[in-house]
Amino acid sequence: MPEYKSFVLDPAVANSPELLHEFLMAELGAKLLNSSQYRIEKKSIDARSRQIKANIKIGFYPKDHNFQLDLSDRLRLPKLATNAKHVIIIGSGPAGLFAAIKLIRSGVKPIVFERGHNVRDRRRDLAAINRHNIVNPDSNYCFGEGGAGTYSDGKLYTRSTKRGDIDSVLETFVAFGAHANILYEAHPHIGTNKLPGIIEGMRNAIIDAGGEVHFNTRVTDFIIENNQLQGIVLADGTSHGAKHILLATGHSARDIFELLQSKNIAIEAKPFAIGVRIEHTQKMIDSSQYKLPVRPDFLPPASFSLVTQTKYKGIQRGVFSFCMCPGGFIVPSATEQNQVVVNGMSPSRRDSKYANSGIVVSILPEDLAQYKEFGPLAGMHLQEQLEQKAHHLVGGTQQAISQLTGDFIKRKASHTNHDTSYVPGLQPGEIRDFLPDFISEPLSMGLQDFDRKIRNFSSNVGQLIGLESRTSSPVKIPRDRDTLEHPVLKGLYPCGEGAGYAGGIMSAALDGIRCAEAIVSAM
């Protein structure tokens, strides 16, 4: 068994393999290191005081321990028998891919249907949005192989306490090409430039083992007999039979939510949030967070996490930062031509000169009164109306409305904007033109509170860019707590972020594994 020791170090030492080795030699002695090998198990930066520290945990292993063998086992998937039972998976995001891998390891054949393009061809769809304002409704920043996370950040942080499962997911990513630092960083991050190759490797492993992955295959109907799923129908009219179907379509698959409602399959409204992206220079965030004029190379680009409670017209609601992207870019995330939606992403090096984050406001049931005719889809229709309004204000393009943050607080329309990472471009104006008061006023209050926590955060050195409306699914698809099967429609296993059971790559992957295990137990 390995032995673990924790240290508090200068970040320059913690981030240099040579300096760290010298420290351990001096601290523990050459005899210990000569009889064992070590690796970093956990590392985090503590910048709460002016004396920045690194907290680091080291694991010491026997000399003959093979770290590479641990990872190579993640790459090898067993070949499926020709007569293996099969399961349909709808969606090839992290929930779908990790479910497929788990099914293969259990001797079950996954057949994956993905509405969008494969991860490489998907790049052309993203370029069409950025350069020509053309949105492919089936393949974009939200839809396509790898899901929404592939081209909109790749953060792997989760609050889940199921550490063993988390290690398994992280090791799988490393085995398929992610940097090994995701195994120990407190906030692991792969990066949008590296994720596509990793996703492609996972797909090839699934196919090599005997699974199937089909692209450009949008599901349009379910085949149901006596409340039991029998299969699916695709947009081209073909049908495919299966008695066990894992539904992992992501938070933006509105057509699936509408299909379920039209067939009287139980769905529920779920809490979500709407707001904007805020963009600063990374230099400004570094200076504020590290309290240094220039960030040294051994410190990562600084991030932040902000939350506050506001009260507007007697109603209390939360305002919080979401998906903060240090050294990142703002990207267009609409899934229909008549929408404007923004999101954030970061490459692995996080070397953009910009920092951005969602600043969003909790949506409450009373906000949805005018949409009550849509039942559990009320929140979805609020999202859609605001996205279409934002689209109309920019003349039907994929440009976005921007407003200097201080101007927004002062209710003063902006007539200029700062340089931006948002490729389609910005049109300066007034955020309140598309955000209702129950969002814009708490947003203003929250920004003023955040300015007290990070100096100049809400001044005109930063700008707001909108609309940020796809923080999470506004709909939850219920399932039995034990079997993970839909309580009414037998054979349907709602999974991942779109079903309301995950909030990012890691939690979606973990949920995919859980659902796959539940399906195998039921077969």
Protein backbone atom coordinates (compact mmCIF):
# COMPACT_ATOMS: atom_id res chain seq x y z
CA MET A 1 0.00 0.00 0.00
CA PRO A 2 1.28 3.50 -0.78
CA GLU A 3 2.16 5.95 1.98
CA TYR A 4 0.90 9.53 1.72
CA LYS A 5 2.40 12.79 3.00
CA SER A 6 1.07 16.34 2.66
CA PHE A 7 3.11 19.54 2.40
CA VAL A 8 2.54 23.28 2.17
CA LEU A 9 5.04 24.70 -0.30
CA ASP A 10 6.00 27.73 -2.31
CA PRO A 11 4.08 27.36 -5.62
CA ALA A 12 7.36 27.70 -7.52
CA VAL A 13 8.58 24.53 -5.81
CA ALA A 14 5.31 22.63 -6.20
CA ASN A 15 5.20 23.35 -9.94
CA SER A 16 8.81 22.40 -10.72
CA PRO A 17 9.63 18.65 -10.81
CA GLU A 18 13.29 19.44 -10.14
CA LEU A 19 12.67 21.75 -7.18
CA LEU A 20 10.07 19.40 -5.74
CA HIS A 21 12.52 16.49 -5.94
CA GLU A 22 15.19 18.56 -4.17
CA PHE A 23 12.68 19.47 -1.45
CA LEU A 24 11.66 15.84 -0.90
CA MET A 25 15.30 14.73 -0.77
CA ALA A 26 16.04 17.33 1.89
CA GLU A 27 12.82 16.70 3.80
CA LEU A 28 12.67 12.89 3.72
CA GLY A 29 16.17 11.77 2.89
CA ALA A 30 17.70 9.92 -0.04
CA LYS A 31 17.19 6.54 1.64
CA LEU A 32 13.41 6.81 1.48
CA LEU A 33 13.39 8.01 -2.12
CA ASN A 34 15.87 5.34 -3.22
CA SER A 35 13.57 2.61 -1.93
CA SER A 36 10.35 3.98 -3.41
CA GLN A 37 8.90 6.10 -6.20
CA TYR A 38 6.48 8.93 -5.78
CA ARG A 39 3.85 10.88 -7.61
CA ILE A 40 1.65 13.89 -6.90
CA GLU A 41 -1.79 12.78 -5.67
CA LYS A 42 -3.40 16.19 -5.14
CA LYS A 43 -2.36 19.79 -5.69
CA SER A 44 -4.13 23.09 -5.14
CA ILE A 45 -3.25 26.78 -4.92
CA ASP A 46 -4.27 28.81 -1.86
CA ALA A 47 -4.28 32.51 -2.82
CA ARG A 48 -6.47 33.77 0.02
CA SER A 49 -3.61 35.75 1.55
CA ARG A 50 -0.72 37.69 0.06
CA GLN A 51 1.55 34.76 0.85
CA ILE A 52 0.39 32.38 -1.90
CA LYS A 53 0.82 28.71 -1.01
CA ALA A 54 0.55 25.36 -2.72
CA ASN A 55 -1.03 22.44 -0.88
CA ILE A 56 0.38 19.20 -2.21
CA LYS A 57 -0.15 15.53 -1.35
CA ILE A 58 2.52 13.00 -2.36
CA GLY A 59 2.04 9.25 -2.64
CA PHE A 60 5.06 6.97 -2.15
CA TYR A 61 4.88 3.59 -3.92
CA PRO A 62 7.08 0.49 -4.11
CA LYS A 63 9.82 0.65 -6.72
CA ASP A 64 8.15 -2.06 -8.79
CA HIS A 65 4.72 -0.39 -8.98
CA ASN A 66 3.69 0.06 -12.65
CA PHE A 67 1.69 3.28 -13.04
CA GLN A 68 1.36 2.80 -16.80
CA LEU A 69 -0.30 -0.59 -16.32
CA ASP A 70 -3.08 1.11 -14.34
CA LEU A 71 -3.85 3.33 -17.32
CA SER A 72 -3.33 0.80 -20.12
CA ASP A 73 -6.11 -1.32 -18.63
CA ARG A 74 -8.48 1.59 -19.37
CA LEU A 75 -7.63 1.39 -23.07
CA ARG A 76 -8.31 -2.31 -23.51
CA LEU A 77 -11.98 -3.11 -24.09
CA PRO A 78 -13.03 -6.76 -24.42
CA LYS A 79 -14.33 -7.94 -27.78
CA LEU A 80 -18.09 -8.42 -27.73
CA ALA A 81 -19.64 -11.75 -28.63
CA THR A 82 -21.49 -11.79 -31.95
CA ASN A 83 -24.71 -12.70 -30.15
CA ALA A 84 -24.31 -10.10 -27.36
CA LYS A 85 -27.43 -8.37 -26.10
CA HIS A 86 -27.70 -4.74 -27.19
CA VAL A 87 -28.72 -1.38 -25.75
CA ILE A 88 -29.53 1.80 -27.67
CA ILE A 89 -27.84 4.98 -26.45
CA ILE A 90 -29.21 8.30 -27.69
CA GLY A 91 -26.45 10.91 -27.53
CA SER A 92 -22.65 10.66 -27.62
CA GLY A 93 -21.74 13.13 -24.90
CA PRO A 94 -19.82 12.00 -21.81
CA ALA A 95 -22.86 10.20 -20.38
CA GLY A 96 -23.38 8.23 -23.59
CA LEU A 97 -19.71 7.43 -24.21
CA PHE A 98 -18.93 6.28 -20.68
CA ALA A 99 -22.14 4.28 -20.59
CA ALA A 100 -21.10 2.60 -23.84
CA ILE A 101 -17.68 1.68 -22.42
CA LYS A 102 -19.26 0.31 -19.24
CA LEU A 103 -21.74 -1.77 -21.26
CA ILE A 104 -18.92 -3.28 -23.34
CA ARG A 105 -17.02 -4.22 -20.17
CA SER A 106 -20.23 -5.97 -19.07
CA GLY A 107 -20.55 -7.91 -22.33
CA VAL A 108 -23.41 -5.80 -23.72
CA LYS A 109 -23.32 -4.15 -27.16
CA PRO A 110 -23.97 -0.39 -27.24
CA ILE A 111 -25.56 1.12 -30.35
CA VAL A 112 -25.04 4.87 -30.16
CA PHE A 113 -27.14 7.33 -32.19
CA GLU A 114 -25.83 10.90 -32.39
CA ARG A 115 -27.80 13.65 -34.16
CA GLY A 116 -24.68 15.68 -35.00
CA HIS A 117 -21.45 15.16 -36.89
CA ASN A 118 -18.37 13.33 -35.68
CA VAL A 119 -15.98 15.42 -33.64
CA ARG A 120 -13.75 16.44 -36.55
CA ASP A 121 -16.47 17.28 -39.08
CA ARG A 122 -18.23 19.18 -36.32
CA ARG A 123 -15.51 21.84 -36.57
CA ARG A 124 -16.91 22.96 -39.92
CA ASP A 125 -20.28 23.56 -38.28
CA LEU A 126 -18.63 25.70 -35.60
CA ALA A 127 -16.75 27.68 -38.23
CA ALA A 128 -20.02 28.31 -40.09
CA ILE A 129 -21.51 29.83 -36.93
CA ASN A 130 -18.49 32.00 -36.18
CA ARG A 131 -17.78 33.20 -39.71
CA HIS A 132 -21.07 33.08 -41.57
CA ASN A 133 -23.82 33.21 -38.88
CA ILE A 134 -25.13 29.81 -40.05
CA VAL A 135 -26.41 27.44 -37.34
CA ASN A 136 -26.82 23.75 -38.10
CA PRO A 137 -29.58 22.69 -35.65
CA ASP A 138 -28.16 19.18 -35.37
CA SER A 139 -24.43 19.93 -35.15
CA ASN A 140 -23.10 22.95 -33.26
CA TYR A 141 -21.48 23.84 -29.93
CA CYS A 142 -24.19 21.86 -28.07
CA PHE A 143 -24.84 18.91 -30.40
CA GLY A 144 -22.40 16.51 -32.03
CA GLU A 145 -19.93 13.86 -30.96
CA GLY A 146 -18.61 14.51 -27.47
CA GLY A 147 -21.53 16.70 -26.44
CA ALA A 148 -21.56 20.33 -25.31
CA GLY A 149 -18.38 20.03 -23.22
CA THR A 150 -16.11 19.04 -26.11
CA TYR A 151 -15.95 22.49 -27.68
CA SER A 152 -17.01 24.54 -24.69
CA ASP A 153 -14.33 24.01 -22.13
CA GLY A 154 -13.49 20.56 -20.84
CA LYS A 155 -13.56 21.32 -17.12
CA LEU A 156 -13.63 18.15 -15.03
CA TYR A 157 -14.33 19.51 -11.56
CA THR A 158 -17.21 17.93 -9.68
CA ARG A 159 -18.47 18.09 -6.10
CA SER A 160 -19.30 14.38 -6.13
CA THR A 161 -17.88 12.44 -3.18
CA LYS A 162 -17.72 9.14 -5.10
CA ARG A 163 -13.95 9.34 -5.33
CA GLY A 164 -13.35 5.86 -6.70
CA ASP A 165 -15.61 6.45 -9.71
CA ILE A 166 -14.05 9.86 -10.31
CA ASP A 167 -10.58 8.34 -10.42
CA SER A 168 -11.80 5.79 -12.96
CA VAL A 169 -13.17 8.50 -15.26
CA LEU A 170 -10.04 10.65 -14.97
CA GLU A 171 -7.78 7.67 -15.64
CA THR A 172 -9.83 6.83 -18.73
CA PHE A 173 -9.34 10.36 -20.05
CA VAL A 174 -5.58 10.13 -19.41
CA ALA A 175 -5.37 6.73 -21.08
CA PHE A 176 -6.94 8.24 -24.21
CA GLY A 177 -4.58 11.24 -24.28
CA ALA A 178 -5.35 13.77 -21.53
CA HIS A 179 -2.44 15.21 -19.53
CA ALA A 180 -1.76 13.27 -16.33
CA ASN A 181 -2.11 16.45 -14.25
CA ILE A 182 -5.89 16.02 -14.33
CA LEU A 183 -5.36 13.14 -11.89
CA TYR A 184 -4.18 15.50 -9.13
CA GLU A 185 -5.15 19.09 -9.91
CA ALA A 186 -7.85 20.42 -7.58
CA HIS A 187 -9.75 21.78 -10.60
CA PRO A 188 -8.78 19.48 -13.50
CA HIS A 189 -9.24 20.73 -17.04
CA ILE A 190 -8.50 19.04 -20.37
CA GLY A 191 -9.06 21.92 -22.79
CA THR A 192 -11.12 22.19 -25.95
CA ASN A 193 -8.05 21.75 -28.15
CA LYS A 194 -7.33 18.30 -26.69
CA LEU A 195 -10.77 16.87 -26.02
CA PRO A 196 -11.68 16.15 -29.67
CA GLY A 197 -8.81 13.70 -30.13
CA ILE A 198 -9.62 12.00 -26.83
CA ILE A 199 -13.30 11.64 -27.78
CA GLU A 200 -12.33 10.21 -31.17
CA GLY A 201 -10.09 7.66 -29.47
CA MET A 202 -12.90 6.55 -27.17
CA ARG A 203 -15.28 6.17 -30.11
CA ASN A 204 -12.75 4.06 -32.04
CA ALA A 205 -12.26 1.81 -29.01
CA ILE A 206 -16.03 1.31 -28.76
CA ILE A 207 -16.25 0.37 -32.44
CA ASP A 208 -13.16 -1.89 -32.29
CA ALA A 209 -14.78 -3.81 -29.42
CA GLY A 210 -17.91 -4.44 -31.48
CA GLY A 211 -20.11 -1.49 -30.53
CA GLU A 212 -21.75 0.82 -33.05
CA VAL A 213 -21.70 4.64 -33.33
CA HIS A 214 -23.94 6.35 -35.89
CA PHE A 215 -23.76 10.06 -36.71
CA ASN A 216 -26.33 12.36 -38.33
CA THR A 217 -29.08 10.15 -36.87
CA ARG A 218 -31.64 12.25 -34.99
CA VAL A 219 -34.29 10.37 -33.02
CA THR A 220 -37.81 11.63 -33.79
CA ASP A 221 -40.06 9.07 -32.07
CA PHE A 222 -40.23 6.19 -29.63
CA ILE A 223 -41.91 2.87 -30.38
CA ILE A 224 -44.03 1.98 -27.34
CA GLU A 225 -46.32 -0.94 -26.56
CA ASN A 226 -48.15 -1.18 -23.23
CA ASN A 227 -45.82 1.37 -21.56
CA GLN A 228 -42.78 -0.64 -22.64
CA LEU A 229 -40.21 0.79 -25.04
CA GLN A 230 -39.70 -1.31 -28.14
CA GLY A 231 -37.38 0.93 -30.12
CA ILE A 232 -36.83 4.29 -31.81
CA VAL A 233 -37.61 6.00 -35.10
CA LEU A 234 -35.03 8.21 -36.82
CA ALA A 235 -35.53 11.33 -38.93
CA ASP A 236 -35.05 9.31 -42.13
CA GLY A 237 -37.99 7.07 -41.16
CA THR A 238 -35.97 3.98 -40.26
CA SER A 239 -36.64 2.23 -36.98
CA HIS A 240 -34.39 0.31 -34.61
CA GLY A 241 -35.61 -2.08 -31.94
CA ALA A 242 -34.43 -2.28 -28.34
CA LYS A 243 -36.08 -2.87 -24.98
CA HIS A 244 -33.46 -0.87 -23.08
CA ILE A 245 -32.71 2.69 -24.21
CA LEU A 246 -30.40 5.13 -22.47
CA LEU A 247 -31.48 8.73 -23.15
CA ALA A 248 -28.49 11.11 -22.87
CA THR A 249 -29.32 13.95 -25.27
CA GLY A 250 -27.98 16.95 -23.31
CA HIS A 251 -29.51 20.09 -21.87
CA SER A 252 -30.50 21.64 -25.22
CA ALA A 253 -32.45 18.77 -26.84
CA ARG A 254 -35.75 20.64 -26.76
CA ASP A 255 -37.28 18.44 -29.44
CA ILE A 256 -36.84 15.42 -27.15
CA PHE A 257 -38.56 17.22 -24.27
CA GLU A 258 -41.43 18.13 -26.61
CA LEU A 259 -41.62 14.54 -27.90
CA LEU A 260 -41.90 13.17 -24.38
CA GLN A 261 -44.61 15.66 -23.50
CA SER A 262 -46.57 14.95 -26.69
CA LYS A 263 -46.59 11.24 -25.84
CA ASN A 264 -47.69 11.93 -22.25
CA ILE A 265 -44.44 10.56 -20.87
CA ALA A 266 -43.88 12.16 -17.47
CA ILE A 267 -41.40 15.06 -17.31
CA GLU A 268 -40.93 17.73 -14.64
CA ALA A 269 -39.86 21.38 -14.43
CA LYS A 270 -36.42 21.87 -12.89
CA PRO A 271 -34.56 24.88 -11.40
CA PHE A 272 -32.15 26.65 -13.74
CA ALA A 273 -30.57 30.08 -14.23
CA ILE A 274 -30.25 32.78 -16.91
CA GLY A 275 -27.90 35.73 -17.25
CA VAL A 276 -24.90 36.93 -19.23
CA ARG A 277 -21.19 36.35 -19.71
CA ILE A 278 -18.79 38.85 -18.15
CA GLU A 279 -15.42 39.34 -19.84
CA HIS A 280 -12.26 40.94 -18.42
CA THR A 281 -8.63 40.76 -19.37
CA GLN A 282 -6.94 37.80 -17.72
CA LYS A 283 -4.28 40.22 -16.47
CA MET A 284 -6.92 42.12 -14.47
CA ILE A 285 -8.25 38.90 -12.87
CA ASP A 286 -4.70 37.69 -12.11
CA SER A 287 -3.82 40.99 -10.45
CA SER A 288 -7.01 41.02 -8.37
CA GLN A 289 -6.84 37.40 -7.26
CA TYR A 290 -3.10 37.01 -6.71
CA LYS A 291 -2.53 40.61 -5.55
CA LEU A 292 0.55 40.78 -7.75
CA PRO A 293 1.28 43.25 -10.56
CA VAL A 294 2.34 40.39 -12.87
CA ARG A 295 1.43 36.72 -12.54
CA PRO A 296 4.59 34.55 -12.40
CA ASP A 297 4.73 31.61 -14.80
CA PHE A 298 4.50 29.04 -12.02
CA LEU A 299 1.00 30.22 -11.09
CA PRO A 300 -1.97 29.22 -13.27
CA PRO A 301 -4.25 31.89 -14.76
CA ALA A 302 -6.44 32.99 -11.88
CA SER A 303 -10.10 32.08 -11.63
CA PHE A 304 -12.93 33.06 -9.31
CA SER A 305 -16.16 31.67 -7.87
CA LEU A 306 -18.76 34.17 -6.72
CA VAL A 307 -22.20 33.82 -5.18
CA THR A 308 -24.60 36.13 -3.40
CA GLN A 309 -28.25 36.43 -2.42
CA THR A 310 -30.37 39.36 -3.62
CA LYS A 311 -33.85 40.62 -2.83
CA TYR A 312 -35.97 42.29 -5.52
CA LYS A 313 -39.66 43.14 -5.02
CA GLY A 314 -39.62 41.08 -1.83
CA ILE A 315 -38.35 37.94 -3.59
CA GLN A 316 -34.96 36.50 -2.67
CA ARG A 317 -32.92 34.74 -5.33
CA GLY A 318 -29.33 33.71 -5.96
CA VAL A 319 -26.85 35.31 -8.32
CA PHE A 320 -23.67 33.38 -9.03
CA SER A 321 -20.75 32.89 -11.38
CA PHE A 322 -20.98 29.86 -13.64
CA CYS A 323 -18.42 28.03 -15.80
CA MET A 324 -15.58 30.50 -15.21
CA CYS A 325 -13.03 30.24 -18.04
CA PRO A 326 -9.57 31.68 -17.27
CA GLY A 327 -7.53 32.37 -20.39
CA GLY A 328 -10.56 31.50 -22.47
CA PHE A 329 -13.02 32.53 -25.16
CA ILE A 330 -16.72 33.27 -25.43
CA VAL A 331 -18.44 31.16 -28.08
CA PRO A 332 -21.86 31.18 -29.84
CA SER A 333 -23.98 28.30 -28.55
CA ALA A 334 -27.32 28.66 -30.34
CA THR A 335 -28.99 25.48 -31.57
CA GLU A 336 -31.38 27.21 -33.97
CA GLN A 337 -30.85 29.95 -36.54
CA ASN A 338 -33.12 32.44 -34.76
CA GLN A 339 -31.30 32.41 -31.40
CA VAL A 340 -28.36 34.16 -29.76
CA VAL A 341 -26.77 32.15 -26.94
CA VAL A 342 -23.25 32.50 -25.53
CA ASN A 343 -21.06 30.16 -23.51
CA GLY A 344 -17.41 30.00 -22.42
CA MET A 345 -14.47 27.71 -23.16
CA SER A 346 -10.73 27.47 -22.54
CA PRO A 347 -7.90 25.72 -24.39
CA SER A 348 -5.60 23.46 -22.36
CA ARG A 349 -2.93 26.14 -21.94
CA ARG A 350 -5.51 28.76 -20.93
CA ASP A 351 -3.37 31.29 -22.72
CA SER A 352 -5.98 33.66 -24.14
CA LYS A 353 -5.61 37.23 -22.88
CA TYR A 354 -9.26 37.16 -21.82
CA ALA A 355 -11.12 35.72 -18.84
CA ASN A 356 -14.87 35.13 -18.91
CA SER A 357 -17.57 33.70 -16.72
CA GLY A 358 -21.31 33.33 -16.71
CA ILE A 359 -23.03 35.59 -14.18
CA VAL A 360 -26.50 34.14 -13.83
CA VAL A 361 -29.69 34.57 -11.82
CA SER A 362 -31.86 31.78 -10.41
CA ILE A 363 -35.23 31.41 -12.15
CA LEU A 364 -38.14 30.79 -9.78
CA PRO A 365 -41.57 29.23 -10.46
CA GLU A 366 -43.31 32.62 -10.15
CA ASP A 367 -41.21 33.89 -13.07
CA LEU A 368 -42.93 31.41 -15.38
CA ALA A 369 -46.58 32.35 -14.82
CA GLN A 370 -47.11 33.59 -18.38
CA TYR A 371 -45.81 30.26 -19.72
CA LYS A 372 -47.99 28.01 -17.54
CA GLU A 373 -49.85 26.68 -20.60
CA PHE A 374 -46.65 24.80 -21.49
CA GLY A 375 -46.64 22.91 -18.19
CA PRO A 376 -43.19 21.50 -17.32
CA LEU A 377 -41.80 23.09 -20.51
CA ALA A 378 -42.49 26.62 -19.23
CA GLY A 379 -38.82 27.30 -18.45
CA MET A 380 -37.78 26.08 -21.88
CA HIS A 381 -40.15 28.54 -23.52
CA LEU A 382 -38.79 31.40 -21.39
CA GLN A 383 -35.27 30.51 -22.55
CA GLU A 384 -36.37 30.38 -26.18
CA GLN A 385 -38.23 33.70 -26.07
CA LEU A 386 -35.23 35.53 -24.61
CA GLU A 387 -32.84 33.91 -27.11
CA GLN A 388 -35.03 34.97 -30.03
CA LYS A 389 -35.31 38.50 -28.65
CA ALA A 390 -31.53 38.76 -28.37
CA HIS A 391 -31.25 37.50 -31.95
CA HIS A 392 -33.70 40.12 -33.20
CA LEU A 393 -31.79 42.94 -31.47
CA VAL A 394 -28.57 42.13 -33.36
CA GLY A 395 -30.29 42.06 -36.74
CA GLY A 396 -30.60 38.30 -37.13
CA THR A 397 -26.87 37.55 -36.85
CA GLN A 398 -24.82 35.59 -34.32
CA GLN A 399 -23.34 38.79 -32.94
CA ALA A 400 -24.17 39.51 -29.31
CA ILE A 401 -25.27 42.57 -27.36
CA SER A 402 -22.52 43.93 -25.09
CA GLN A 403 -22.63 46.54 -22.36
CA LEU A 404 -19.85 47.86 -20.17
CA THR A 405 -20.51 46.54 -16.69
CA GLY A 406 -20.54 49.92 -14.97
CA ASP A 407 -22.93 51.28 -17.61
CA PHE A 408 -25.31 48.38 -16.97
CA ILE A 409 -25.39 49.10 -13.24
CA LYS A 410 -26.04 52.79 -13.97
CA ARG A 411 -28.78 51.92 -16.49
CA LYS A 412 -26.77 53.64 -19.20
CA ALA A 413 -26.62 52.11 -22.68
CA SER A 414 -23.08 51.53 -23.94
CA HIS A 415 -22.03 52.97 -27.29
CA THR A 416 -18.69 51.21 -27.43
CA ASN A 417 -17.24 47.87 -26.40
CA HIS A 418 -13.84 46.51 -25.45
CA ASP A 419 -11.88 44.07 -27.55
CA THR A 420 -13.39 40.63 -27.17
CA SER A 421 -12.75 36.93 -27.64
CA TYR A 422 -16.22 36.51 -29.17
CA VAL A 423 -15.51 35.88 -32.86
CA PRO A 424 -18.92 36.74 -34.40
CA GLY A 425 -18.56 40.22 -32.91
CA LEU A 426 -20.40 42.52 -30.51
CA GLN A 427 -22.99 45.24 -30.81
CA PRO A 428 -22.88 47.71 -27.90
CA GLY A 429 -26.24 48.43 -26.35
CA GLU A 430 -28.42 47.73 -23.33
CA ILE A 431 -28.65 44.26 -21.75
CA ARG A 432 -32.04 45.15 -20.27
CA ASP A 433 -33.46 45.24 -23.80
CA PHE A 434 -33.68 41.44 -23.71
CA LEU A 435 -33.51 40.58 -20.00
CA PRO A 436 -36.70 41.04 -17.94
CA ASP A 437 -36.55 42.95 -14.65
CA PHE A 438 -36.69 39.79 -12.51
CA ILE A 439 -33.33 38.83 -14.05
CA SER A 440 -31.69 42.20 -14.77
CA GLU A 441 -32.30 43.81 -11.37
CA PRO A 442 -30.95 40.93 -9.24
CA LEU A 443 -28.09 40.72 -11.76
CA SER A 444 -27.25 44.39 -11.12
CA MET A 445 -27.41 43.86 -7.34
CA GLY A 446 -25.20 40.78 -7.59
CA LEU A 447 -22.60 42.56 -9.68
CA GLN A 448 -22.40 45.37 -7.14
CA ASP A 449 -21.78 42.82 -4.38
CA PHE A 450 -19.14 41.05 -6.48
CA ASP A 451 -17.34 44.36 -6.97
CA ARG A 452 -16.79 44.44 -3.21
CA LYS A 453 -15.15 41.01 -3.40
CA ILE A 454 -12.98 41.59 -6.48
CA ARG A 455 -11.83 45.15 -6.99
CA ASN A 456 -13.11 46.77 -10.22
CA PHE A 457 -14.94 43.56 -11.14
CA SER A 458 -18.11 45.48 -12.00
CA SER A 459 -16.55 48.66 -13.33
CA ASN A 460 -16.28 49.57 -16.98
CA VAL A 461 -13.02 47.65 -17.32
CA GLY A 462 -15.22 44.62 -18.00
CA GLN A 463 -18.18 44.05 -20.26
CA LEU A 464 -21.35 41.97 -20.19
CA ILE A 465 -22.21 39.84 -23.22
CA GLY A 466 -25.52 38.05 -23.62
CA LEU A 467 -27.46 35.88 -23.59
CA GLU A 468 -26.25 33.07 -21.27
CA SER A 469 -29.32 30.83 -21.09
CA ARG A 470 -28.08 27.21 -21.30
CA THR A 471 -26.62 26.83 -17.80
CA SER A 472 -28.52 23.58 -17.30
CA SER A 473 -31.63 21.79 -18.45
CA PRO A 474 -34.91 23.46 -17.38
CA VAL A 475 -36.52 20.00 -17.50
CA LYS A 476 -36.03 16.84 -15.46
CA ILE A 477 -37.03 13.40 -16.72
CA PRO A 478 -37.97 11.36 -13.65
CA ARG A 479 -36.53 7.95 -12.89
CA ASP A 480 -36.75 5.42 -10.10
CA ARG A 481 -34.13 6.05 -7.44
CA ASP A 482 -32.99 2.42 -7.36
CA THR A 483 -33.50 1.08 -10.89
CA LEU A 484 -32.83 4.44 -12.67
CA GLU A 485 -35.66 3.50 -15.05
CA HIS A 486 -38.44 5.92 -15.94
CA PRO A 487 -41.31 5.31 -13.47
CA VAL A 488 -43.93 4.88 -16.21
CA LEU A 489 -42.18 4.09 -19.50
CA LYS A 490 -40.36 0.83 -18.96
CA GLY A 491 -37.04 0.44 -20.71
CA LEU A 492 -36.25 4.19 -20.75
CA TYR A 493 -33.23 5.25 -18.70
CA PRO A 494 -32.99 9.08 -18.51
CA CYS A 495 -29.34 10.01 -18.06
CA GLY A 496 -26.93 12.88 -17.74
CA GLU A 497 -27.32 16.62 -17.89
CA GLY A 498 -30.28 16.73 -20.25
CA ALA A 499 -32.33 14.50 -17.97
CA GLY A 500 -31.46 16.63 -14.94
CA TYR A 501 -28.96 14.32 -13.23
CA ALA A 502 -25.62 15.96 -14.02
CA GLY A 503 -24.00 19.37 -14.31
CA GLY A 504 -20.86 18.91 -16.39
CA ILE A 505 -18.52 16.41 -18.02
CA MET A 506 -17.55 14.50 -14.87
CA SER A 507 -20.99 14.18 -13.32
CA ALA A 508 -22.46 13.21 -16.70
CA ALA A 509 -19.80 10.52 -17.21
CA LEU A 510 -20.45 9.16 -13.71
CA ASP A 511 -24.19 9.12 -14.35
CA GLY A 512 -23.66 7.30 -17.63
CA ILE A 513 -21.73 4.59 -15.81
CA ARG A 514 -24.47 4.27 -13.16
CA CYS A 515 -27.19 3.98 -15.79
CA ALA A 516 -25.23 1.36 -17.72
CA GLU A 517 -24.83 -0.68 -14.53
CA ALA A 518 -28.57 -0.39 -13.86
CA ILE A 519 -29.41 -1.57 -17.38
CA VAL A 520 -27.09 -4.57 -17.13
CA SER A 521 -28.72 -5.53 -13.83
CA ALA A 522 -32.15 -5.38 -15.47
CA MET A 523 -31.29 -7.44 -18.57
